[in-house]
Amino acid sequence: MNRLTGKVSNLIVAFFMGAIIISFALTGFSGFNNTANSVGKVDGNPITIREYQNAYNQQIQNYTRMFGKDLTAQQIRQFRIRENVLNQLITRKVMTNYALNNGLESAEDELKKSIKELPYFKTNDKFDVNKYKQLLRANNLTPSKFEETFLEDLAIQKVNEIMDSTTISKAYARDVIKFKNMGPMVLAVRFEKEKNTSKIPVSKEEIKNFIENPENEAILKSVYNGMKSEFVKDDEVKASHILLRVKADKSNDKEVLAKAKALRKKLTRSNFATYAKKETEDPSGKANGGDLGYFPQGRMVPEFDKAVFSMKNGAISQPVKTNYGYHIIYRQGFKKGFNKKLEEVKDIVAKAHLQKTKREELKKVNDKLKDELTAALVAKNTKRIEKMAKEYGFTFVKDKNLNFFDANVDSIKFDFETIKPLMSAENTGKVYIQDDVVDTKLILAYEAASEDIEALKADKFEAQYNAMVREFQGTMQNTVIKQLRDKSDIVTYSNML
């Protein structure tokens, strides 16, 4: 959900060019009467209730397709759908105003041509004027209102195309990559301080006395509820899948089903991952052979869920149809759930609570761990650190190039002031510590980087260059949108939502 809501600013223009246009043509209106009231204004231009409700309906449908079931009122509040929809519409208005003020409006011929290319207005691959009017009428839209909205979409599309056409030079990209690889080879560690409460000793007598005190019953219940994921777990299956997608208009349904059936005949337990890497159209499954890990019932869409929980371990399904397309599922394992009541685990709960109350003891544990890690890093005793990492559950990254560009060592992010001394070769072999409120990070440089940017293979450089261009375009788009919003006169009427 964070990915969906957090990245919407990067994708706002592209999303609304597609989603809003489609929703105008295909989504009904409900919840508000057809009035002239608005939910806000941007530079005096109203965001009508109809616009808002239409975008809201589309967003709800997207979430419903994702989860395979309707959202609850609590989920709608949790995902801040109403606020996000209004924010997106404000950005749309801002971008539209910018485009029209800079002469990016489309001529009538261009408008007509673009509308005729929309697939949901076609019959037998040709624009059908009757279908066009029927769909608009079914959604209480007049051709003039739809065309007005579509003109805005075309204008935004032109702004988007300008942004997408901007790029960075390859010489600049090579300099950036070179700078990224200037950092030395390092060993780095990060541990969360609070996790080490589990290492604090608590006597059986302390636990017994705490449990027997009636005044602690409420504390035990509260701590148990906070730890419930450790004591209550649903049945889970482990599975992999291969997804073959069907187009939104279902035009290739039979073709995809035939392909899925043919593929199923080739699959075995031993070659499933290999075929998944080549054939699946689930982006996250390309790298890991379609592996979905363990998951409980209700996590996947209903059709997938029903199929995988009715299979036996080791079985490979026939094609299973969902909203996403056709899945071939390989069930690999099963974990039986459990439900331990408070009475069964009181000693565990009491111990966990008592450990968290011993703050001085926790400081001693963390200081001792920090000292031991410092000594092990200086000695470059990676086996010792790996053993400690298993015992304490901390992150250890070894033999990695320090990236001065963003102060990262894989998943461990340092403040630049912490790693700044490592830019000097004379500080090789010294441990630098970043001690924050939540965690402690340690880093040691043991030799300078050796990668030669000139020897970077063309395909590897091209991939890095393309990623940098996309990042630059996204950053520029976000910056432009922010500046335009800051300069716009924006008024919202939250009571109308």
Protein backbone atom coordinates (compact mmCIF):
# COMPACT_ATOMS: atom_id res chain seq x y z
CA MET A 1 0.00 0.00 0.00
CA ASN A 2 2.87 2.35 0.76
CA ARG A 3 4.21 1.72 -2.73
CA LEU A 4 0.84 2.50 -4.28
CA THR A 5 0.26 5.73 -2.36
CA GLY A 6 3.88 6.86 -1.99
CA LYS A 7 4.74 6.75 -5.67
CA VAL A 8 1.51 8.28 -6.96
CA SER A 9 3.16 11.66 -7.36
CA ASN A 10 5.61 10.13 -9.83
CA LEU A 11 2.84 8.56 -11.86
CA ILE A 12 0.04 11.06 -11.41
CA VAL A 13 -0.08 12.37 -14.96
CA ALA A 14 0.14 8.98 -16.63
CA PHE A 15 -2.42 7.51 -14.21
CA PHE A 16 -5.03 10.14 -14.79
CA MET A 17 -4.58 10.20 -18.54
CA GLY A 18 -5.62 6.56 -18.46
CA ALA A 19 -7.67 5.97 -15.34
CA ILE A 20 -9.78 9.08 -15.37
CA ILE A 21 -10.57 8.91 -19.09
CA ILE A 22 -11.56 5.26 -18.80
CA SER A 23 -13.63 5.91 -15.70
CA PHE A 24 -15.54 8.70 -17.44
CA ALA A 25 -16.50 6.25 -20.14
CA LEU A 26 -17.02 3.09 -18.12
CA THR A 27 -17.76 3.90 -14.47
CA GLY A 28 -21.16 4.90 -13.06
CA PHE A 29 -21.70 7.63 -10.51
CA SER A 30 -23.11 7.12 -7.03
CA GLY A 31 -23.02 8.70 -3.61
CA PHE A 32 -23.63 12.35 -4.62
CA ASN A 33 -26.46 13.95 -6.47
CA ASN A 34 -25.75 15.60 -9.79
CA THR A 35 -25.20 19.18 -8.54
CA ALA A 36 -22.99 22.13 -9.39
CA ASN A 37 -21.24 21.90 -6.01
CA SER A 38 -17.48 21.38 -5.88
CA VAL A 39 -14.96 19.83 -3.50
CA GLY A 40 -12.33 22.48 -4.21
CA LYS A 41 -10.91 25.03 -6.60
CA VAL A 42 -7.56 25.54 -8.31
CA ASP A 43 -6.95 29.10 -9.50
CA GLY A 44 -10.71 29.59 -9.53
CA ASN A 45 -11.40 26.45 -11.59
CA PRO A 46 -13.72 24.10 -9.65
CA ILE A 47 -13.13 20.42 -8.95
CA THR A 48 -16.71 19.23 -9.23
CA ILE A 49 -18.30 16.59 -7.05
CA ARG A 50 -18.84 14.55 -10.21
CA GLU A 51 -15.11 14.66 -11.03
CA TYR A 52 -14.25 13.72 -7.46
CA GLN A 53 -16.79 10.89 -7.19
CA ASN A 54 -15.73 9.47 -10.55
CA ALA A 55 -12.04 9.40 -9.57
CA TYR A 56 -12.95 8.00 -6.15
CA ASN A 57 -14.96 5.16 -7.72
CA GLN A 58 -12.05 4.31 -10.01
CA GLN A 59 -9.61 4.21 -7.11
CA ILE A 60 -11.94 1.95 -5.09
CA GLN A 61 -12.23 -0.38 -8.08
CA ASN A 62 -8.43 -0.57 -8.36
CA TYR A 63 -8.09 -1.58 -4.72
CA THR A 64 -10.96 -4.06 -5.04
CA ARG A 65 -9.29 -5.76 -8.00
CA MET A 66 -6.05 -5.91 -6.05
CA PHE A 67 -7.56 -7.48 -2.92
CA GLY A 68 -10.23 -9.51 -4.69
CA LYS A 69 -12.91 -8.12 -2.37
CA ASP A 70 -14.57 -4.84 -1.38
CA LEU A 71 -12.74 -2.50 0.99
CA THR A 72 -14.15 -1.86 4.44
CA ALA A 73 -14.82 1.67 5.68
CA GLN A 74 -11.82 1.28 8.01
CA GLN A 75 -9.53 0.35 5.10
CA ILE A 76 -10.75 3.33 3.10
CA ARG A 77 -9.76 5.58 6.01
CA GLN A 78 -6.51 3.69 6.61
CA PHE A 79 -5.36 4.07 2.99
CA ARG A 80 -6.53 7.72 2.98
CA ILE A 81 -8.27 7.11 -0.33
CA ARG A 82 -10.52 10.18 -0.16
CA GLU A 83 -7.61 12.50 0.64
CA ASN A 84 -5.40 10.93 -2.04
CA VAL A 85 -8.09 11.24 -4.71
CA LEU A 86 -8.62 14.93 -3.93
CA ASN A 87 -4.86 15.51 -3.95
CA GLN A 88 -4.58 13.81 -7.34
CA LEU A 89 -7.38 15.91 -8.80
CA ILE A 90 -5.69 19.08 -7.54
CA THR A 91 -2.48 18.02 -9.30
CA ARG A 92 -4.47 17.29 -12.45
CA LYS A 93 -5.98 20.78 -12.43
CA VAL A 94 -2.60 22.37 -11.79
CA MET A 95 -1.03 20.48 -14.70
CA THR A 96 -3.95 21.29 -16.98
CA ASN A 97 -3.70 25.00 -16.22
CA TYR A 98 0.05 24.92 -16.85
CA ALA A 99 -0.39 23.14 -20.18
CA LEU A 100 -3.14 25.44 -21.45
CA ASN A 101 -1.32 28.58 -20.29
CA ASN A 102 1.70 27.49 -22.33
CA GLY A 103 -0.10 26.87 -25.59
CA LEU A 104 -0.24 23.06 -25.37
CA GLU A 105 -3.94 22.74 -26.16
CA SER A 106 -4.94 20.41 -29.02
CA ALA A 107 -6.73 21.35 -32.20
CA GLU A 108 -10.20 19.97 -32.97
CA ASP A 109 -8.83 17.55 -35.57
CA GLU A 110 -6.34 16.12 -33.09
CA LEU A 111 -9.09 15.75 -30.48
CA LYS A 112 -11.39 13.84 -32.86
CA LYS A 113 -8.57 11.59 -34.05
CA SER A 114 -7.54 10.72 -30.49
CA ILE A 115 -11.09 9.92 -29.37
CA LYS A 116 -11.58 7.66 -32.37
CA GLU A 117 -8.52 5.66 -31.31
CA LEU A 118 -9.97 4.80 -27.89
CA PRO A 119 -10.66 1.03 -27.93
CA TYR A 120 -13.86 1.10 -25.82
CA PHE A 121 -15.57 3.25 -28.47
CA LYS A 122 -14.82 0.77 -31.26
CA THR A 123 -16.80 -2.03 -32.86
CA ASN A 124 -14.85 -4.48 -35.02
CA ASP A 125 -11.80 -2.25 -34.61
CA LYS A 126 -13.62 0.81 -36.02
CA PHE A 127 -14.93 3.86 -34.20
CA ASP A 128 -18.65 3.42 -33.49
CA VAL A 129 -20.42 6.77 -33.02
CA ASN A 130 -23.53 5.06 -31.61
CA LYS A 131 -21.44 3.20 -29.04
CA TYR A 132 -19.71 6.48 -28.21
CA LYS A 133 -23.01 8.25 -27.52
CA GLN A 134 -24.48 5.28 -25.62
CA LEU A 135 -21.54 5.00 -23.26
CA LEU A 136 -21.55 8.71 -22.55
CA ARG A 137 -25.32 8.72 -22.04
CA ALA A 138 -25.08 5.74 -19.68
CA ASN A 139 -22.71 7.76 -17.53
CA ASN A 140 -24.69 11.00 -17.64
CA LEU A 141 -22.11 12.69 -19.86
CA THR A 142 -22.62 14.87 -22.86
CA PRO A 143 -20.15 14.69 -25.77
CA SER A 144 -19.16 18.32 -25.09
CA LYS A 145 -18.34 17.61 -21.43
CA PHE A 146 -16.38 14.46 -22.29
CA GLU A 147 -14.46 16.24 -25.05
CA GLU A 148 -13.66 19.12 -22.70
CA THR A 149 -12.17 16.66 -20.23
CA PHE A 150 -10.34 14.79 -22.96
CA LEU A 151 -8.80 18.04 -24.22
CA GLU A 152 -7.34 18.49 -20.75
CA ASP A 153 -5.92 14.98 -20.89
CA LEU A 154 -4.25 15.65 -24.22
CA ALA A 155 -2.74 18.86 -22.85
CA ILE A 156 -1.36 17.03 -19.80
CA GLN A 157 -0.03 14.30 -22.09
CA LYS A 158 1.98 16.90 -24.00
CA VAL A 159 3.51 18.21 -20.77
CA ASN A 160 4.31 14.65 -19.80
CA GLU A 161 5.96 13.99 -23.16
CA ILE A 162 8.15 17.08 -22.75
CA MET A 163 9.26 15.89 -19.34
CA ASP A 164 9.93 12.38 -20.64
CA SER A 165 12.03 13.79 -23.48
CA THR A 166 14.48 15.47 -21.10
CA THR A 167 17.63 13.49 -20.43
CA ILE A 168 21.13 13.64 -18.99
CA SER A 169 24.39 13.30 -20.86
CA LYS A 170 26.27 10.01 -20.84
CA ALA A 171 29.41 11.87 -19.80
CA TYR A 172 27.59 13.09 -16.70
CA ALA A 173 26.29 9.55 -16.05
CA ARG A 174 29.81 8.14 -16.25
CA ASP A 175 31.05 10.77 -13.78
CA VAL A 176 28.27 9.88 -11.34
CA ILE A 177 28.95 6.15 -11.63
CA LYS A 178 32.64 6.80 -11.18
CA PHE A 179 31.96 8.81 -8.04
CA LYS A 180 29.72 6.05 -6.72
CA ASN A 181 32.57 3.59 -7.15
CA MET A 182 35.25 5.80 -5.60
CA GLY A 183 34.36 4.56 -2.12
CA PRO A 184 36.52 1.90 -0.42
CA MET A 185 35.61 -1.72 0.21
CA VAL A 186 33.95 -1.97 3.60
CA LEU A 187 32.43 -4.16 6.29
CA ALA A 188 29.28 -2.70 7.85
CA VAL A 189 26.94 -3.70 10.68
CA ARG A 190 23.59 -2.40 11.90
CA PHE A 191 21.72 -3.59 14.99
CA GLU A 192 18.46 -2.38 16.51
CA LYS A 193 18.91 -1.64 20.18
CA GLU A 194 15.44 -2.62 21.35
CA LYS A 195 15.66 -6.10 19.79
CA ASN A 196 18.42 -6.98 22.24
CA THR A 197 16.01 -6.96 25.20
CA SER A 198 15.69 -10.69 24.50
CA LYS A 199 19.32 -11.06 25.67
CA ILE A 200 18.62 -9.66 29.15
CA PRO A 201 18.52 -12.40 31.81
CA VAL A 202 15.37 -12.73 33.96
CA SER A 203 15.16 -15.25 36.81
CA LYS A 204 12.36 -17.80 37.19
CA GLU A 205 11.57 -16.27 40.56
CA GLU A 206 11.07 -12.81 39.00
CA ILE A 207 8.70 -14.29 36.42
CA LYS A 208 6.78 -16.27 39.06
CA ASN A 209 6.35 -13.27 41.36
CA PHE A 210 5.18 -11.08 38.50
CA ILE A 211 2.56 -13.61 37.34
CA GLU A 212 1.22 -14.25 40.83
CA ASN A 213 0.63 -10.54 41.50
CA PRO A 214 -3.05 -9.86 40.58
CA GLU A 215 -2.22 -6.24 39.79
CA ASN A 216 -0.18 -7.42 36.78
CA GLU A 217 -3.04 -9.25 35.06
CA ALA A 218 -3.92 -6.26 32.86
CA ILE A 219 -0.26 -5.83 31.88
CA LEU A 220 -0.03 -9.51 30.92
CA LYS A 221 -3.13 -9.24 28.73
CA SER A 222 -1.84 -6.08 27.05
CA VAL A 223 1.62 -7.54 26.37
CA TYR A 224 0.05 -10.80 25.12
CA ASN A 225 -2.09 -8.86 22.64
CA GLY A 226 1.01 -7.01 21.44
CA MET A 227 2.83 -10.33 20.92
CA LYS A 228 -0.18 -12.13 19.47
CA SER A 229 1.47 -12.76 16.11
CA GLU A 230 3.90 -15.06 17.95
CA PHE A 231 1.09 -17.07 19.55
CA VAL A 232 -1.68 -17.06 16.94
CA LYS A 233 -1.01 -18.04 13.35
CA ASP A 234 -3.27 -19.24 10.53
CA ASP A 235 -2.51 -22.19 8.31
CA GLU A 236 -0.11 -21.17 5.55
CA VAL A 237 0.93 -22.62 2.20
CA LYS A 238 4.10 -22.07 0.24
CA ALA A 239 3.63 -21.70 -3.49
CA SER A 240 5.07 -20.43 -6.74
CA HIS A 241 3.14 -19.37 -9.81
CA ILE A 242 3.45 -18.44 -13.45
CA LEU A 243 1.12 -15.64 -14.59
CA LEU A 244 0.07 -15.10 -18.19
CA ARG A 245 -1.87 -11.84 -18.40
CA VAL A 246 -5.12 -11.25 -20.27
CA LYS A 247 -5.84 -7.82 -21.78
CA ALA A 248 -8.41 -5.61 -20.06
CA ASP A 249 -10.85 -6.05 -22.95
CA LYS A 250 -10.40 -9.89 -22.82
CA SER A 251 -9.64 -9.92 -26.54
CA ASN A 252 -6.77 -12.39 -26.11
CA ASP A 253 -8.39 -14.63 -23.48
CA LYS A 254 -8.57 -17.78 -25.63
CA GLU A 255 -5.04 -17.26 -26.94
CA VAL A 256 -3.61 -16.87 -23.42
CA LEU A 257 -5.54 -19.90 -22.12
CA ALA A 258 -4.21 -22.04 -24.97
CA LYS A 259 -0.67 -20.87 -24.20
CA ALA A 260 -1.15 -21.63 -20.49
CA LYS A 261 -2.41 -25.15 -21.22
CA ALA A 262 0.52 -25.84 -23.54
CA LEU A 263 2.96 -24.54 -20.94
CA ARG A 264 1.39 -26.65 -18.19
CA LYS A 265 2.22 -29.83 -20.12
CA LYS A 266 5.93 -28.96 -19.98
CA LEU A 267 6.08 -28.21 -16.27
CA THR A 268 7.55 -30.43 -13.58
CA ARG A 269 8.63 -29.72 -10.01
CA SER A 270 12.25 -29.54 -11.09
CA ASN A 271 11.81 -27.14 -14.03
CA PHE A 272 8.99 -24.92 -12.68
CA ALA A 273 11.31 -22.14 -11.45
CA THR A 274 13.24 -22.14 -14.73
CA TYR A 275 10.07 -21.74 -16.80
CA ALA A 276 8.69 -19.14 -14.37
CA LYS A 277 11.75 -16.93 -14.87
CA LYS A 278 11.24 -17.04 -18.64
CA GLU A 279 7.46 -17.08 -19.00
CA THR A 280 5.76 -15.35 -16.07
CA GLU A 281 4.32 -11.88 -16.64
CA ASP A 282 4.37 -11.11 -12.92
CA PRO A 283 7.34 -8.69 -12.70
CA SER A 284 8.23 -9.75 -9.16
CA GLY A 285 8.39 -13.40 -10.23
CA LYS A 286 10.96 -13.02 -13.00
CA ALA A 287 13.94 -13.01 -10.65
CA ASN A 288 12.80 -15.57 -8.08
CA GLY A 289 11.14 -18.19 -10.26
CA GLY A 290 7.60 -17.17 -9.33
CA ASP A 291 8.16 -17.84 -5.61
CA LEU A 292 5.40 -16.35 -3.43
CA GLY A 293 6.74 -17.68 -0.13
CA TYR A 294 4.35 -18.68 2.65
CA PHE A 295 0.98 -16.93 2.93
CA PRO A 296 -2.32 -17.49 4.82
CA GLN A 297 -5.76 -18.07 3.38
CA GLY A 298 -7.39 -14.85 2.24
CA ARG A 299 -4.16 -13.14 1.14
CA MET A 300 -4.58 -13.88 -2.57
CA VAL A 301 -7.53 -13.21 -4.90
CA PRO A 302 -10.41 -15.67 -4.27
CA GLU A 303 -9.88 -17.93 -7.30
CA PHE A 304 -6.16 -18.30 -6.62
CA ASP A 305 -6.80 -18.76 -2.89
CA LYS A 306 -9.36 -21.50 -3.40
CA ALA A 307 -7.15 -23.39 -5.82
CA VAL A 308 -3.89 -23.32 -3.83
CA PHE A 309 -5.51 -24.31 -0.50
CA SER A 310 -7.31 -27.25 -2.10
CA MET A 311 -4.11 -28.64 -3.68
CA LYS A 312 -1.70 -31.14 -2.18
CA ASN A 313 1.96 -30.39 -1.57
CA GLY A 314 4.00 -30.99 -4.71
CA ALA A 315 1.01 -30.54 -7.04
CA ILE A 316 1.03 -28.24 -10.09
CA SER A 317 -2.40 -26.86 -11.06
CA GLN A 318 -4.06 -26.49 -14.40
CA PRO A 319 -4.49 -22.82 -15.47
CA VAL A 320 -6.51 -20.87 -12.87
CA LYS A 321 -8.28 -17.75 -14.11
CA THR A 322 -8.36 -14.52 -12.05
CA ASN A 323 -8.75 -10.83 -12.87
CA TYR A 324 -5.02 -10.75 -13.64
CA GLY A 325 -5.05 -13.55 -16.20
CA TYR A 326 -4.19 -17.26 -16.00
CA HIS A 327 -2.03 -18.66 -13.21
CA ILE A 328 -0.28 -22.00 -13.06
CA ILE A 329 0.31 -22.75 -9.38
CA TYR A 330 2.91 -25.02 -7.82
CA ARG A 331 2.15 -25.76 -4.16
CA GLN A 332 5.38 -26.53 -2.34
CA GLY A 333 4.63 -26.64 1.37
CA PHE A 334 2.19 -26.26 4.24
CA LYS A 335 2.49 -24.94 7.81
CA LYS A 336 -0.17 -25.82 10.35
CA GLY A 337 -1.45 -22.82 12.28
CA PHE A 338 -1.71 -22.55 16.05
CA ASN A 339 -3.56 -20.57 18.70
CA LYS A 340 -1.87 -20.39 22.11
CA LYS A 341 -3.97 -18.80 24.84
CA LEU A 342 -2.52 -16.42 27.44
CA GLU A 343 -2.65 -19.09 30.16
CA GLU A 344 -0.34 -21.29 28.07
CA VAL A 345 2.32 -18.62 27.52
CA LYS A 346 2.14 -16.45 30.65
CA ASP A 347 5.76 -17.14 31.56
CA ILE A 348 6.94 -16.09 28.07
CA VAL A 349 4.82 -12.92 28.16
CA ALA A 350 5.97 -12.01 31.67
CA LYS A 351 9.62 -12.54 30.75
CA ALA A 352 9.30 -10.33 27.63
CA HIS A 353 7.72 -7.54 29.70
CA LEU A 354 10.30 -7.73 32.46
CA GLN A 355 13.12 -7.65 29.93
CA LYS A 356 11.74 -4.44 28.40
CA THR A 357 11.65 -2.74 31.81
CA LYS A 358 15.38 -3.31 32.43
CA ARG A 359 16.75 -0.26 30.61
CA GLU A 360 20.14 -0.13 32.31
CA GLU A 361 20.71 -3.81 31.56
CA LEU A 362 19.75 -3.18 27.90
CA LYS A 363 22.33 -0.40 27.66
CA LYS A 364 24.98 -2.76 29.01
CA VAL A 365 24.02 -5.46 26.47
CA ASN A 366 24.18 -2.97 23.58
CA ASP A 367 27.48 -1.45 24.74
CA LYS A 368 29.01 -4.91 25.10
CA LEU A 369 27.80 -5.90 21.62
CA LYS A 370 29.18 -2.66 20.15
CA ASP A 371 32.58 -3.31 21.74
CA GLU A 372 32.70 -6.91 20.53
CA LEU A 373 31.74 -5.87 17.00
CA THR A 374 34.37 -3.14 16.97
CA ALA A 375 37.05 -5.66 17.91
CA ALA A 376 35.83 -8.18 15.33
CA LEU A 377 35.74 -5.54 12.58
CA VAL A 378 39.27 -4.34 13.33
CA ALA A 379 40.44 -7.96 13.16
CA LYS A 380 38.32 -8.46 10.01
CA ASN A 381 36.97 -11.59 11.69
CA THR A 382 33.96 -12.03 9.41
CA LYS A 383 33.19 -15.55 10.65
CA ARG A 384 32.84 -14.24 14.18
CA ILE A 385 30.56 -11.40 13.02
CA GLU A 386 28.41 -13.80 10.97
CA LYS A 387 28.01 -16.03 14.03
CA MET A 388 26.99 -13.01 16.13
CA ALA A 389 24.57 -11.89 13.40
CA LYS A 390 22.71 -15.21 13.67
CA GLU A 391 22.65 -14.97 17.46
CA TYR A 392 21.47 -11.33 17.67
CA GLY A 393 19.60 -11.05 14.36
CA PHE A 394 21.42 -7.96 13.09
CA THR A 395 22.42 -6.93 9.56
CA PHE A 396 25.98 -7.61 8.40
CA VAL A 397 27.20 -6.50 4.97
CA LYS A 398 30.67 -7.58 3.93
CA ASP A 399 33.00 -6.94 1.01
CA LYS A 400 30.87 -4.15 -0.46
CA ASN A 401 31.82 -0.90 -2.13
CA LEU A 402 30.82 2.16 -0.08
CA ASN A 403 28.64 4.46 -2.15
CA PHE A 404 29.54 8.06 -1.25
CA PHE A 405 26.80 9.27 -3.58
CA ASP A 406 23.99 8.21 -1.25
CA ALA A 407 25.93 6.98 1.83
CA ASN A 408 24.62 3.43 1.43
CA VAL A 409 26.18 0.04 2.06
CA ASP A 410 23.44 -2.13 0.62
CA SER A 411 20.51 -1.77 3.05
CA ILE A 412 22.54 0.12 5.67
CA LYS A 413 22.31 3.90 5.25
CA PHE A 414 24.84 6.10 7.04
CA ASP A 415 24.92 9.83 7.59
CA PHE A 416 27.52 11.45 5.33
CA GLU A 417 29.36 12.90 8.34
CA THR A 418 29.94 9.36 9.63
CA ILE A 419 31.50 8.07 6.42
CA LYS A 420 33.26 11.28 5.38
CA PRO A 421 36.58 10.24 7.02
CA LEU A 422 36.61 7.10 4.86
CA MET A 423 37.30 9.26 1.80
CA SER A 424 40.87 9.45 3.09
CA ALA A 425 43.01 6.32 2.70
CA GLU A 426 44.74 7.02 6.04
CA ASN A 427 41.55 6.04 7.86
CA THR A 428 41.51 2.52 6.44
CA GLY A 429 41.29 -0.05 9.22
CA LYS A 430 39.47 2.25 11.66
CA VAL A 431 35.92 1.60 12.86
CA TYR A 432 33.46 4.50 12.65
CA ILE A 433 30.26 4.32 14.69
CA GLN A 434 26.91 6.02 14.15
CA ASP A 435 24.95 5.64 17.40
CA ASP A 436 21.34 6.74 16.95
CA VAL A 437 18.29 6.47 19.20
CA VAL A 438 16.90 3.40 17.45
CA ASP A 439 19.99 1.65 16.13
CA THR A 440 23.78 1.48 16.06
CA LYS A 441 25.78 1.26 12.84
CA LEU A 442 29.47 0.40 12.52
CA ILE A 443 31.65 0.59 9.41
CA LEU A 444 35.25 -0.26 8.60
CA ALA A 445 37.08 0.39 5.34
CA TYR A 446 39.77 -2.16 4.55
CA GLU A 447 40.88 -1.31 1.00
CA ALA A 448 40.24 1.17 -1.79
CA ALA A 449 37.75 0.42 -4.55
CA SER A 450 39.17 -1.37 -7.57
CA GLU A 451 36.42 -1.20 -10.18
CA ASP A 452 37.51 0.69 -13.27
CA ILE A 453 34.65 2.70 -14.76
CA GLU A 454 36.29 2.57 -18.17
CA ALA A 455 36.05 -1.21 -18.06
CA LEU A 456 32.31 -1.10 -17.34
CA LYS A 457 30.63 -3.26 -19.96
CA ALA A 458 28.47 -1.40 -22.45
CA ASP A 459 25.27 -3.26 -21.51
CA LYS A 460 25.87 -2.72 -17.79
CA PHE A 461 26.52 0.98 -18.31
CA GLU A 462 23.47 1.34 -20.55
CA ALA A 463 21.23 -0.21 -17.88
CA GLN A 464 22.60 2.13 -15.19
CA TYR A 465 22.34 5.11 -17.53
CA ASN A 466 18.68 4.34 -18.37
CA ALA A 467 17.85 4.00 -14.67
CA MET A 468 19.49 7.38 -13.98
CA VAL A 469 17.50 9.02 -16.79
CA ARG A 470 14.23 7.64 -15.38
CA GLU A 471 15.13 8.82 -11.91
CA PHE A 472 16.03 12.28 -13.24
CA GLN A 473 12.75 12.54 -15.16
CA GLY A 474 10.76 11.48 -12.10
CA THR A 475 12.55 13.97 -9.87
CA MET A 476 12.02 16.74 -12.39
CA GLN A 477 8.33 15.92 -12.71
CA ASN A 478 7.89 15.95 -8.93
CA THR A 479 9.74 19.26 -8.68
CA VAL A 480 7.66 20.89 -11.42
CA ILE A 481 4.40 19.69 -9.86
CA LYS A 482 5.44 20.92 -6.40
CA GLN A 483 6.40 24.34 -7.74
CA LEU A 484 3.18 24.65 -9.73
CA ARG A 485 1.12 23.67 -6.69
CA ASP A 486 2.98 26.16 -4.50
CA LYS A 487 2.21 28.96 -6.95
CA SER A 488 -1.45 28.01 -7.42
CA ASP A 489 -4.39 29.29 -5.42
CA ILE A 490 -5.80 26.03 -4.02
CA VAL A 491 -8.98 25.86 -1.94
CA THR A 492 -10.55 22.61 -0.69
CA TYR A 493 -13.89 21.92 0.98
CA SER A 494 -13.22 18.81 3.04
CA ASN A 495 -16.79 18.88 4.42
CA MET A 496 -18.00 17.90 0.94
CA LEU A 497 -16.07 14.59 0.97
